[in-house]
Amino acid sequence: MDFRKGLLLVISLCIALPAAAEIRTILDAREAKPSNMTVPTSVNSRVSFRSCDECDVNTARLTPATVFTVNGEVMEFAAFRQALLVVRRQGEGYALIQIDTQTNTVKSLQVTG
């Protein structure tokens, strides 16, 4: 009986260990106030943001594949910049920046406000 339990334990560990070794973070989601974001004038540039007023500035690269969303509506980059200014003037809202951790590129930039 002890042999069966030991064998079951060894088999379980053999199955579980390789799966645990492959876990890695692919996307990092950061939240920031729209007023703490600096959006560039072109898509092939970097966005700067701070998660809080006292936090360090983070940067990530925008690409043509970046998805821009304001209040649930997907839009082109130029329209996104205009809508972001409106959200900033209103004073409320937040931005969610999803960053690919391996390439440091922004996969999506969502603003709600």
Protein backbone atom coordinates (compact mmCIF):
# COMPACT_ATOMS: atom_id res chain seq x y z
CA MET A 1 0.00 0.00 0.00
CA ASP A 2 2.83 2.43 0.85
CA PHE A 3 4.48 1.66 -2.47
CA ARG A 4 1.31 2.71 -4.35
CA LYS A 5 1.06 5.96 -2.42
CA GLY A 6 4.73 6.73 -3.06
CA LEU A 7 4.39 5.91 -6.74
CA LEU A 8 1.30 8.12 -7.01
CA LEU A 9 3.18 10.97 -5.31
CA VAL A 10 6.17 10.64 -7.68
CA ILE A 11 3.91 10.57 -10.75
CA SER A 12 1.97 13.60 -9.49
CA LEU A 13 5.16 15.58 -8.96
CA CYS A 14 6.49 14.61 -12.39
CA ILE A 15 3.32 15.94 -13.98
CA ALA A 16 3.08 19.11 -11.88
CA LEU A 17 6.69 20.34 -11.95
CA PRO A 18 7.08 20.92 -15.71
CA ALA A 19 3.76 22.77 -15.80
CA ALA A 20 4.81 25.07 -12.95
CA ALA A 21 8.14 25.83 -14.62
CA GLU A 22 6.42 27.23 -17.73
CA ILE A 23 4.33 29.85 -15.94
CA ARG A 24 5.42 33.36 -16.95
CA THR A 25 3.89 36.79 -17.17
CA ILE A 26 3.03 37.77 -20.72
CA LEU A 27 1.05 40.97 -20.18
CA ASP A 28 1.47 43.54 -17.45
CA ALA A 29 -1.57 45.75 -16.88
CA ARG A 30 -0.96 49.15 -15.32
CA GLU A 31 -3.58 51.64 -14.19
CA ALA A 32 -2.97 55.38 -14.29
CA LYS A 33 -4.89 58.63 -14.23
CA PRO A 34 -5.19 60.21 -17.68
CA SER A 35 -3.54 63.33 -16.25
CA ASN A 36 -0.46 61.20 -15.43
CA MET A 37 -0.05 60.08 -19.06
CA THR A 38 1.93 61.65 -21.87
CA VAL A 39 0.84 60.36 -25.26
CA PRO A 40 3.16 61.03 -28.21
CA THR A 41 2.12 62.62 -31.50
CA SER A 42 2.76 59.49 -33.57
CA VAL A 43 2.03 55.80 -33.10
CA ASN A 44 5.66 54.70 -33.51
CA SER A 45 6.82 56.34 -30.30
CA ARG A 46 6.65 55.88 -26.53
CA VAL A 47 3.87 56.58 -24.05
CA SER A 48 4.90 57.79 -20.57
CA PHE A 49 2.78 57.28 -17.48
CA ARG A 50 2.86 57.18 -13.70
CA SER A 51 0.65 54.88 -11.65
CA CYS A 52 0.43 57.48 -8.88
CA ASP A 53 1.52 61.08 -8.35
CA GLU A 54 4.59 59.99 -6.34
CA CYS A 55 5.47 56.96 -8.53
CA ASP A 56 8.32 56.79 -11.02
CA VAL A 57 7.61 57.40 -14.69
CA ASN A 58 7.21 54.28 -16.83
CA THR A 59 7.50 54.18 -20.60
CA ALA A 60 6.42 51.66 -23.20
CA ARG A 61 6.51 51.67 -26.98
CA LEU A 62 3.39 52.10 -29.07
CA THR A 63 3.11 50.16 -32.32
CA PRO A 64 0.67 50.14 -35.23
CA ALA A 65 -0.84 47.01 -33.61
CA THR A 66 -1.73 48.88 -30.39
CA VAL A 67 -5.48 49.01 -29.78
CA PHE A 68 -6.80 52.38 -28.54
CA THR A 69 -10.11 52.45 -26.67
CA VAL A 70 -12.03 55.30 -25.03
CA ASN A 71 -15.19 54.44 -23.05
CA GLY A 72 -15.43 51.07 -24.78
CA GLU A 73 -15.09 52.46 -28.32
CA VAL A 74 -12.09 51.34 -30.36
CA MET A 75 -10.63 54.20 -32.38
CA GLU A 76 -7.68 55.33 -34.44
CA PHE A 77 -4.72 56.99 -32.73
CA ALA A 78 -5.56 60.57 -33.79
CA ALA A 79 -9.13 60.26 -32.51
CA PHE A 80 -7.82 58.66 -29.31
CA ARG A 81 -5.59 61.67 -28.61
CA GLN A 82 -8.55 64.03 -29.04
CA ALA A 83 -10.80 61.92 -26.79
CA LEU A 84 -8.05 61.70 -24.16
CA LEU A 85 -7.97 65.50 -23.94
CA VAL A 86 -11.72 65.54 -23.26
CA VAL A 87 -11.36 62.92 -20.51
CA ARG A 88 -8.50 64.90 -18.94
CA ARG A 89 -10.60 68.09 -18.85
CA GLN A 90 -13.39 66.23 -17.07
CA GLY A 91 -10.90 65.34 -14.32
CA GLU A 92 -12.24 61.87 -13.60
CA GLY A 93 -11.37 58.58 -15.18
CA TYR A 94 -8.55 56.13 -15.46
CA ALA A 95 -6.34 54.55 -18.07
CA LEU A 96 -5.45 50.87 -18.33
CA ILE A 97 -2.22 50.17 -20.19
CA GLN A 98 -1.53 46.56 -21.17
CA ILE A 99 2.16 45.98 -21.86
CA ASP A 100 3.83 42.95 -23.42
CA THR A 101 6.56 42.17 -20.87
CA GLN A 102 8.98 40.62 -23.36
CA THR A 103 8.98 43.42 -25.95
CA ASN A 104 7.89 46.36 -23.72
CA THR A 105 5.25 47.29 -26.28
CA VAL A 106 1.72 48.49 -25.52
CA LYS A 107 -0.87 45.96 -26.64
CA SER A 108 -3.84 48.12 -25.66
CA LEU A 109 -4.48 51.48 -24.10
CA GLN A 110 -7.96 51.90 -22.63
CA VAL A 111 -9.28 55.14 -21.16
CA THR A 112 -12.55 55.46 -19.27
CA GLY A 113 -13.99 58.66 -17.94
